[in-house]
All heavy atoms as atom14 arrays in JSON, in Angstrom:
{
  "sequence": "HPEWRGRGVGTRLLHHAIGYLESRDVRCIKLDATPMG",
  "atom14_mask": [
    [1, 1, 1, 1, 1, 1, 1, 1, 1, 1, 0, 0, 0, 0],
    [1, 1, 1, 1, 1, 1, 1, 0, 0, 0, 0, 0, 0, 0],
    [1, 1, 1, 1, 1, 1, 1, 1, 1, 0, 0, 0, 0, 0],
    [1, 1, 1, 1, 1, 1, 1, 1, 1, 1, 1, 1, 1, 1],
    [1, 1, 1, 1, 1, 1, 1, 1, 1, 1, 1, 0, 0, 0],
    [1, 1, 1, 1, 0, 0, 0, 0, 0, 0, 0, 0, 0, 0],
    [1, 1, 1, 1, 1, 1, 1, 1, 1, 1, 1, 0, 0, 0],
    [1, 1, 1, 1, 0, 0, 0, 0, 0, 0, 0, 0, 0, 0],
    [1, 1, 1, 1, 1, 1, 1, 0, 0, 0, 0, 0, 0, 0],
    [1, 1, 1, 1, 0, 0, 0, 0, 0, 0, 0, 0, 0, 0],
    [1, 1, 1, 1, 1, 1, 1, 0, 0, 0, 0, 0, 0, 0],
    [1, 1, 1, 1, 1, 1, 1, 1, 1, 1, 1, 0, 0, 0],
    [1, 1, 1, 1, 1, 1, 1, 1, 0, 0, 0, 0, 0, 0],
    [1, 1, 1, 1, 1, 1, 1, 1, 0, 0, 0, 0, 0, 0],
    [1, 1, 1, 1, 1, 1, 1, 1, 1, 1, 0, 0, 0, 0],
    [1, 1, 1, 1, 1, 1, 1, 1, 1, 1, 0, 0, 0, 0],
    [1, 1, 1, 1, 1, 0, 0, 0, 0, 0, 0, 0, 0, 0],
    [1, 1, 1, 1, 1, 1, 1, 1, 0, 0, 0, 0, 0, 0],
    [1, 1, 1, 1, 0, 0, 0, 0, 0, 0, 0, 0, 0, 0],
    [1, 1, 1, 1, 1, 1, 1, 1, 1, 1, 1, 1, 0, 0],
    [1, 1, 1, 1, 1, 1, 1, 1, 0, 0, 0, 0, 0, 0],
    [1, 1, 1, 1, 1, 1, 1, 1, 1, 0, 0, 0, 0, 0],
    [1, 1, 1, 1, 1, 1, 0, 0, 0, 0, 0, 0, 0, 0],
    [1, 1, 1, 1, 1, 1, 1, 1, 1, 1, 1, 0, 0, 0],
    [1, 1, 1, 1, 1, 1, 1, 1, 0, 0, 0, 0, 0, 0],
    [1, 1, 1, 1, 1, 1, 1, 0, 0, 0, 0, 0, 0, 0],
    [1, 1, 1, 1, 1, 1, 1, 1, 1, 1, 1, 0, 0, 0],
    [1, 1, 1, 1, 1, 1, 0, 0, 0, 0, 0, 0, 0, 0],
    [1, 1, 1, 1, 1, 1, 1, 1, 0, 0, 0, 0, 0, 0],
    [1, 1, 1, 1, 1, 1, 1, 1, 1, 0, 0, 0, 0, 0],
    [1, 1, 1, 1, 1, 1, 1, 1, 0, 0, 0, 0, 0, 0],
    [1, 1, 1, 1, 1, 1, 1, 1, 0, 0, 0, 0, 0, 0],
    [1, 1, 1, 1, 1, 0, 0, 0, 0, 0, 0, 0, 0, 0],
    [1, 1, 1, 1, 1, 1, 1, 0, 0, 0, 0, 0, 0, 0],
    [1, 1, 1, 1, 1, 1, 1, 0, 0, 0, 0, 0, 0, 0],
    [1, 1, 1, 1, 1, 1, 1, 1, 0, 0, 0, 0, 0, 0],
    [1, 1, 1, 1, 0, 0, 0, 0, 0, 0, 0, 0, 0, 0]
  ],
  "atom14_positions": [
    [[66.63, 111.54, 14.08], [67.06, 112.72, 14.85], [66.01, 113.81, 14.71], [65.47, 114.04, 13.62], [68.41, 113.22, 14.34], [69.02, 114.22, 15.25], [68.62, 115.53, 15.28], [70.0, 114.08, 16.2], [69.32, 116.18, 16.19], [70.17, 115.33, 16.76], [0.0, 0.0, 0.0], [0.0, 0.0, 0.0], [0.0, 0.0, 0.0], [0.0, 0.0, 0.0]],
    [[65.68, 114.5, 15.81], [64.63, 115.54, 15.76], [64.81, 116.56, 14.65], [63.82, 117.0, 14.06], [64.72, 116.2, 17.14], [65.28, 115.14, 18.03], [66.23, 114.34, 17.16], [0.0, 0.0, 0.0], [0.0, 0.0, 0.0], [0.0, 0.0, 0.0], [0.0, 0.0, 0.0], [0.0, 0.0, 0.0], [0.0, 0.0, 0.0], [0.0, 0.0, 0.0]],
    [[66.03, 116.91, 14.31], [66.26, 117.9, 13.25], [65.93, 117.37, 11.86], [65.81, 118.16, 10.92], [67.71, 118.39, 13.29], [68.04, 119.18, 14.54], [69.51, 119.6, 14.61], [70.22, 119.48, 13.58], [69.93, 120.02, 15.69], [0.0, 0.0, 0.0], [0.0, 0.0, 0.0], [0.0, 0.0, 0.0], [0.0, 0.0, 0.0], [0.0, 0.0, 0.0]],
    [[65.79, 116.05, 11.72], [65.53, 115.44, 10.42], [64.15, 114.83, 10.3], [63.82, 114.25, 9.27], [66.61, 114.41, 10.1], [67.87, 115.1, 9.7], [68.91, 115.47, 10.5], [68.17, 115.58, 8.4], [69.85, 116.14, 9.78], [69.42, 116.22, 8.48], [67.51, 115.54, 7.17], [70.03, 116.82, 7.39], [68.12, 116.11, 6.08], [69.36, 116.75, 6.19]],
    [[63.35, 114.96, 11.32], [62.0, 114.4, 11.24], [61.17, 115.17, 10.22], [61.34, 116.36, 10.03], [61.33, 114.45, 12.61], [61.96, 113.49, 13.59], [61.32, 113.52, 14.95], [62.1, 112.69, 15.86], [62.18, 112.9, 17.15], [61.51, 113.89, 17.72], [62.92, 112.12, 17.9], [0.0, 0.0, 0.0], [0.0, 0.0, 0.0], [0.0, 0.0, 0.0]],
    [[60.24, 114.45, 9.57], [59.35, 115.07, 8.6], [59.98, 115.26, 7.23], [59.41, 115.92, 6.37], [0.0, 0.0, 0.0], [0.0, 0.0, 0.0], [0.0, 0.0, 0.0], [0.0, 0.0, 0.0], [0.0, 0.0, 0.0], [0.0, 0.0, 0.0], [0.0, 0.0, 0.0], [0.0, 0.0, 0.0], [0.0, 0.0, 0.0], [0.0, 0.0, 0.0]],
    [[61.14, 114.68, 6.99], [61.83, 114.83, 5.7], [61.96, 113.51, 4.95], [62.75, 113.4, 4.02], [63.22, 115.43, 5.92], [63.18, 116.8, 6.55], [64.56, 117.37, 6.6], [64.64, 118.5, 7.5], [65.69, 119.29, 7.58], [66.72, 119.08, 6.8], [65.71, 120.28, 8.43], [0.0, 0.0, 0.0], [0.0, 0.0, 0.0], [0.0, 0.0, 0.0]],
    [[61.22, 112.5, 5.38], [61.22, 111.24, 4.66], [62.22, 110.2, 5.14], [62.28, 109.1, 4.59], [0.0, 0.0, 0.0], [0.0, 0.0, 0.0], [0.0, 0.0, 0.0], [0.0, 0.0, 0.0], [0.0, 0.0, 0.0], [0.0, 0.0, 0.0], [0.0, 0.0, 0.0], [0.0, 0.0, 0.0], [0.0, 0.0, 0.0], [0.0, 0.0, 0.0]],
    [[63.0, 110.52, 6.17], [64.01, 109.58, 6.65], [63.35, 108.32, 7.22], [63.73, 107.2, 6.87], [64.93, 110.25, 7.71], [65.89, 109.23, 8.3], [65.68, 111.42, 7.11], [0.0, 0.0, 0.0], [0.0, 0.0, 0.0], [0.0, 0.0, 0.0], [0.0, 0.0, 0.0], [0.0, 0.0, 0.0], [0.0, 0.0, 0.0], [0.0, 0.0, 0.0]],
    [[62.35, 108.49, 8.08], [61.68, 107.34, 8.68], [61.01, 106.47, 7.63], [61.08, 105.23, 7.7], [0.0, 0.0, 0.0], [0.0, 0.0, 0.0], [0.0, 0.0, 0.0], [0.0, 0.0, 0.0], [0.0, 0.0, 0.0], [0.0, 0.0, 0.0], [0.0, 0.0, 0.0], [0.0, 0.0, 0.0], [0.0, 0.0, 0.0], [0.0, 0.0, 0.0]],
    [[60.4, 107.08, 6.65], [59.74, 106.33, 5.58], [60.76, 105.54, 4.77], [60.54, 104.37, 4.44], [58.93, 107.27, 4.67], [57.94, 107.92, 5.48], [58.24, 106.52, 3.55], [0.0, 0.0, 0.0], [0.0, 0.0, 0.0], [0.0, 0.0, 0.0], [0.0, 0.0, 0.0], [0.0, 0.0, 0.0], [0.0, 0.0, 0.0], [0.0, 0.0, 0.0]],
    [[61.9, 106.17, 4.46], [62.95, 105.44, 3.72], [63.47, 104.27, 4.53], [63.71, 103.19, 3.99], [64.11, 106.38, 3.37], [63.85, 107.29, 2.19], [63.91, 106.57, 0.84], [65.17, 105.92, 0.58], [66.26, 106.52, 0.09], [66.24, 107.8, -0.21], [67.36, 105.83, -0.11], [0.0, 0.0, 0.0], [0.0, 0.0, 0.0], [0.0, 0.0, 0.0]],
    [[63.66, 104.47, 5.84], [64.11, 103.37, 6.69], [63.07, 102.24, 6.71], [63.44, 101.06, 6.63], [64.37, 103.87, 8.12], [65.68, 104.6, 8.32], [65.64, 105.43, 9.61], [66.85, 103.63, 8.34], [0.0, 0.0, 0.0], [0.0, 0.0, 0.0], [0.0, 0.0, 0.0], [0.0, 0.0, 0.0], [0.0, 0.0, 0.0], [0.0, 0.0, 0.0]],
    [[61.8, 102.59, 6.81], [60.75, 101.56, 6.79], [60.77, 100.78, 5.47], [60.7, 99.54, 5.48], [59.38, 102.19, 7.01], [59.01, 102.5, 8.44], [57.71, 103.3, 8.5], [58.88, 101.22, 9.26], [0.0, 0.0, 0.0], [0.0, 0.0, 0.0], [0.0, 0.0, 0.0], [0.0, 0.0, 0.0], [0.0, 0.0, 0.0], [0.0, 0.0, 0.0]],
    [[60.86, 101.49, 4.35], [60.91, 100.81, 3.05], [62.1, 99.85, 2.98], [61.99, 98.73, 2.5], [60.99, 101.82, 1.9], [59.68, 102.39, 1.5], [58.74, 101.68, 0.8], [59.16, 103.62, 1.7], [57.67, 102.45, 0.59], [57.9, 103.63, 1.14], [0.0, 0.0, 0.0], [0.0, 0.0, 0.0], [0.0, 0.0, 0.0], [0.0, 0.0, 0.0]],
    [[63.24, 100.31, 3.49], [64.44, 99.48, 3.44], [64.28, 98.24, 4.33], [64.63, 97.13, 3.91], [65.66, 100.3, 3.88], [66.95, 99.66, 3.53], [67.53, 99.76, 2.29], [67.77, 98.86, 4.27], [68.64, 99.08, 2.26], [68.82, 98.52, 3.45], [0.0, 0.0, 0.0], [0.0, 0.0, 0.0], [0.0, 0.0, 0.0], [0.0, 0.0, 0.0]],
    [[63.74, 98.42, 5.53], [63.53, 97.3, 6.45], [62.53, 96.3, 5.85], [62.74, 95.08, 5.92], [63.06, 97.81, 7.8], [0.0, 0.0, 0.0], [0.0, 0.0, 0.0], [0.0, 0.0, 0.0], [0.0, 0.0, 0.0], [0.0, 0.0, 0.0], [0.0, 0.0, 0.0], [0.0, 0.0, 0.0], [0.0, 0.0, 0.0], [0.0, 0.0, 0.0]],
    [[61.46, 96.81, 5.27], [60.48, 95.94, 4.62], [61.13, 95.15, 3.49], [60.95, 93.94, 3.35], [59.27, 96.75, 4.1], [58.46, 97.3, 5.28], [58.39, 95.91, 3.18], [57.48, 98.4, 4.9], [0.0, 0.0, 0.0], [0.0, 0.0, 0.0], [0.0, 0.0, 0.0], [0.0, 0.0, 0.0], [0.0, 0.0, 0.0], [0.0, 0.0, 0.0]],
    [[61.91, 95.84, 2.66], [62.61, 95.18, 1.55], [63.55, 94.09, 2.04], [63.64, 93.01, 1.44], [0.0, 0.0, 0.0], [0.0, 0.0, 0.0], [0.0, 0.0, 0.0], [0.0, 0.0, 0.0], [0.0, 0.0, 0.0], [0.0, 0.0, 0.0], [0.0, 0.0, 0.0], [0.0, 0.0, 0.0], [0.0, 0.0, 0.0], [0.0, 0.0, 0.0]],
    [[64.25, 94.36, 3.12], [65.15, 93.36, 3.69], [64.36, 92.11, 4.1], [64.74, 90.99, 3.76], [65.89, 93.94, 4.9], [66.67, 92.91, 5.66], [67.91, 92.48, 5.22], [66.15, 92.35, 6.83], [68.63, 91.51, 5.91], [66.86, 91.38, 7.53], [68.1, 90.96, 7.06], [68.79, 90.0, 7.75], [0.0, 0.0, 0.0], [0.0, 0.0, 0.0]],
    [[63.27, 92.3, 4.84], [62.47, 91.15, 5.29], [61.84, 90.42, 4.12], [61.81, 89.18, 4.09], [61.42, 91.61, 6.3], [61.99, 92.11, 7.64], [60.9, 92.78, 8.47], [62.66, 90.98, 8.41], [0.0, 0.0, 0.0], [0.0, 0.0, 0.0], [0.0, 0.0, 0.0], [0.0, 0.0, 0.0], [0.0, 0.0, 0.0], [0.0, 0.0, 0.0]],
    [[61.33, 91.15, 3.14], [60.73, 90.5, 1.96], [61.78, 89.7, 1.19], [61.48, 88.63, 0.67], [60.08, 91.54, 1.06], [58.79, 92.09, 1.63], [58.14, 93.17, 0.78], [58.84, 93.77, -0.09], [56.95, 93.42, 0.98], [0.0, 0.0, 0.0], [0.0, 0.0, 0.0], [0.0, 0.0, 0.0], [0.0, 0.0, 0.0], [0.0, 0.0, 0.0]],
    [[63.01, 90.21, 1.11], [64.06, 89.5, 0.37], [64.44, 88.19, 1.06], [65.08, 87.34, 0.46], [65.3, 90.38, 0.21], [66.01, 90.49, 1.43], [0.0, 0.0, 0.0], [0.0, 0.0, 0.0], [0.0, 0.0, 0.0], [0.0, 0.0, 0.0], [0.0, 0.0, 0.0], [0.0, 0.0, 0.0], [0.0, 0.0, 0.0], [0.0, 0.0, 0.0]],
    [[64.03, 88.02, 2.3], [64.27, 86.79, 3.03], [62.99, 85.96, 3.16], [62.89, 85.08, 4.0], [64.87, 87.09, 4.4], [66.38, 87.26, 4.27], [66.86, 88.55, 4.87], [68.29, 88.72, 4.63], [68.78, 89.52, 3.68], [67.98, 90.18, 2.88], [70.07, 89.67, 3.53], [0.0, 0.0, 0.0], [0.0, 0.0, 0.0], [0.0, 0.0, 0.0]],
    [[62.02, 86.28, 2.31], [60.75, 85.54, 2.23], [59.96, 85.5, 3.52], [59.26, 84.53, 3.81], [60.99, 84.1, 1.72], [61.57, 84.09, 0.32], [61.13, 84.93, -0.5], [62.46, 83.27, 0.04], [0.0, 0.0, 0.0], [0.0, 0.0, 0.0], [0.0, 0.0, 0.0], [0.0, 0.0, 0.0], [0.0, 0.0, 0.0], [0.0, 0.0, 0.0]],
    [[60.03, 86.56, 4.3], [59.23, 86.65, 5.52], [57.78, 86.89, 5.12], [57.48, 87.79, 4.33], [59.76, 87.77, 6.44], [58.84, 87.98, 7.62], [61.17, 87.44, 6.91], [0.0, 0.0, 0.0], [0.0, 0.0, 0.0], [0.0, 0.0, 0.0], [0.0, 0.0, 0.0], [0.0, 0.0, 0.0], [0.0, 0.0, 0.0], [0.0, 0.0, 0.0]],
    [[56.89, 86.07, 5.64], [55.48, 86.11, 5.22], [54.65, 87.18, 5.9], [53.68, 87.66, 5.33], [54.84, 84.75, 5.47], [55.41, 83.68, 4.55], [54.71, 82.38, 4.75], [55.07, 81.84, 6.07], [55.09, 80.56, 6.37], [54.71, 79.68, 5.49], [55.45, 80.16, 7.56], [0.0, 0.0, 0.0], [0.0, 0.0, 0.0], [0.0, 0.0, 0.0]],
    [[54.98, 87.53, 7.13], [54.2, 88.51, 7.88], [55.16, 89.51, 8.51], [56.1, 89.1, 9.19], [53.38, 87.8, 8.96], [52.43, 88.92, 10.01], [0.0, 0.0, 0.0], [0.0, 0.0, 0.0], [0.0, 0.0, 0.0], [0.0, 0.0, 0.0], [0.0, 0.0, 0.0], [0.0, 0.0, 0.0], [0.0, 0.0, 0.0], [0.0, 0.0, 0.0]],
    [[54.94, 90.8, 8.24], [55.83, 91.84, 8.79], [55.02, 92.72, 9.72], [53.95, 93.21, 9.38], [56.44, 92.68, 7.66], [57.28, 91.79, 6.73], [57.29, 93.81, 8.24], [57.8, 92.5, 5.5], [0.0, 0.0, 0.0], [0.0, 0.0, 0.0], [0.0, 0.0, 0.0], [0.0, 0.0, 0.0], [0.0, 0.0, 0.0], [0.0, 0.0, 0.0]],
    [[55.55, 92.9, 10.92], [54.93, 93.75, 11.94], [55.94, 94.78, 12.39], [57.12, 94.69, 12.05], [54.46, 92.9, 13.11], [53.36, 91.92, 12.72], [52.87, 91.15, 13.92], [51.69, 90.28, 13.54], [50.43, 90.95, 13.7], [0.0, 0.0, 0.0], [0.0, 0.0, 0.0], [0.0, 0.0, 0.0], [0.0, 0.0, 0.0], [0.0, 0.0, 0.0]],
    [[55.48, 95.75, 13.15], [56.4, 96.74, 13.67], [55.93, 97.3, 14.98], [54.74, 97.28, 15.28], [56.63, 97.89, 12.68], [55.47, 98.85, 12.45], [55.9, 100.24, 12.85], [55.08, 98.83, 11.0], [0.0, 0.0, 0.0], [0.0, 0.0, 0.0], [0.0, 0.0, 0.0], [0.0, 0.0, 0.0], [0.0, 0.0, 0.0], [0.0, 0.0, 0.0]],
    [[56.9, 97.75, 15.76], [56.62, 98.52, 16.96], [56.74, 99.97, 16.56], [57.71, 100.36, 15.91], [57.65, 98.23, 18.06], [57.42, 96.89, 18.73], [56.26, 96.49, 18.83], [58.4, 96.28, 19.18], [0.0, 0.0, 0.0], [0.0, 0.0, 0.0], [0.0, 0.0, 0.0], [0.0, 0.0, 0.0], [0.0, 0.0, 0.0], [0.0, 0.0, 0.0]],
    [[55.77, 100.77, 16.94], [55.81, 102.18, 16.56], [55.06, 103.02, 17.58], [54.21, 102.51, 18.32], [55.19, 102.39, 15.17], [0.0, 0.0, 0.0], [0.0, 0.0, 0.0], [0.0, 0.0, 0.0], [0.0, 0.0, 0.0], [0.0, 0.0, 0.0], [0.0, 0.0, 0.0], [0.0, 0.0, 0.0], [0.0, 0.0, 0.0], [0.0, 0.0, 0.0]],
    [[55.39, 104.27, 17.6], [54.69, 105.23, 18.45], [53.72, 106.01, 17.57], [53.81, 105.97, 16.35], [55.68, 106.22, 19.1], [56.29, 106.98, 18.07], [56.74, 105.47, 19.93], [0.0, 0.0, 0.0], [0.0, 0.0, 0.0], [0.0, 0.0, 0.0], [0.0, 0.0, 0.0], [0.0, 0.0, 0.0], [0.0, 0.0, 0.0], [0.0, 0.0, 0.0]],
    [[52.82, 106.76, 18.18], [51.91, 107.58, 17.37], [52.65, 108.55, 16.43], [52.16, 108.86, 15.35], [51.1, 108.35, 18.42], [51.08, 107.43, 19.61], [52.45, 106.79, 19.61], [0.0, 0.0, 0.0], [0.0, 0.0, 0.0], [0.0, 0.0, 0.0], [0.0, 0.0, 0.0], [0.0, 0.0, 0.0], [0.0, 0.0, 0.0], [0.0, 0.0, 0.0]],
    [[53.85, 108.97, 16.82], [54.61, 109.88, 15.96], [54.91, 109.26, 14.6], [54.93, 109.94, 13.58], [55.92, 110.28, 16.64], [56.71, 111.31, 15.86], [58.34, 111.69, 16.56], [57.92, 112.2, 18.2], [0.0, 0.0, 0.0], [0.0, 0.0, 0.0], [0.0, 0.0, 0.0], [0.0, 0.0, 0.0], [0.0, 0.0, 0.0], [0.0, 0.0, 0.0]],
    [[55.13, 107.94, 14.56], [55.45, 107.27, 13.31], [54.26, 106.86, 12.48], [54.41, 106.38, 11.36], [0.0, 0.0, 0.0], [0.0, 0.0, 0.0], [0.0, 0.0, 0.0], [0.0, 0.0, 0.0], [0.0, 0.0, 0.0], [0.0, 0.0, 0.0], [0.0, 0.0, 0.0], [0.0, 0.0, 0.0], [0.0, 0.0, 0.0], [0.0, 0.0, 0.0]]
  ]
}
């Protein structure tokens, strides 16, 4: 949400998503992102 950008929310979500994929032994992780991210 625009009011919460720049406060670490996106980074925490990325860490969580990465952890989820790693816990399922995914060998290669990619992402779709905009320049803002």
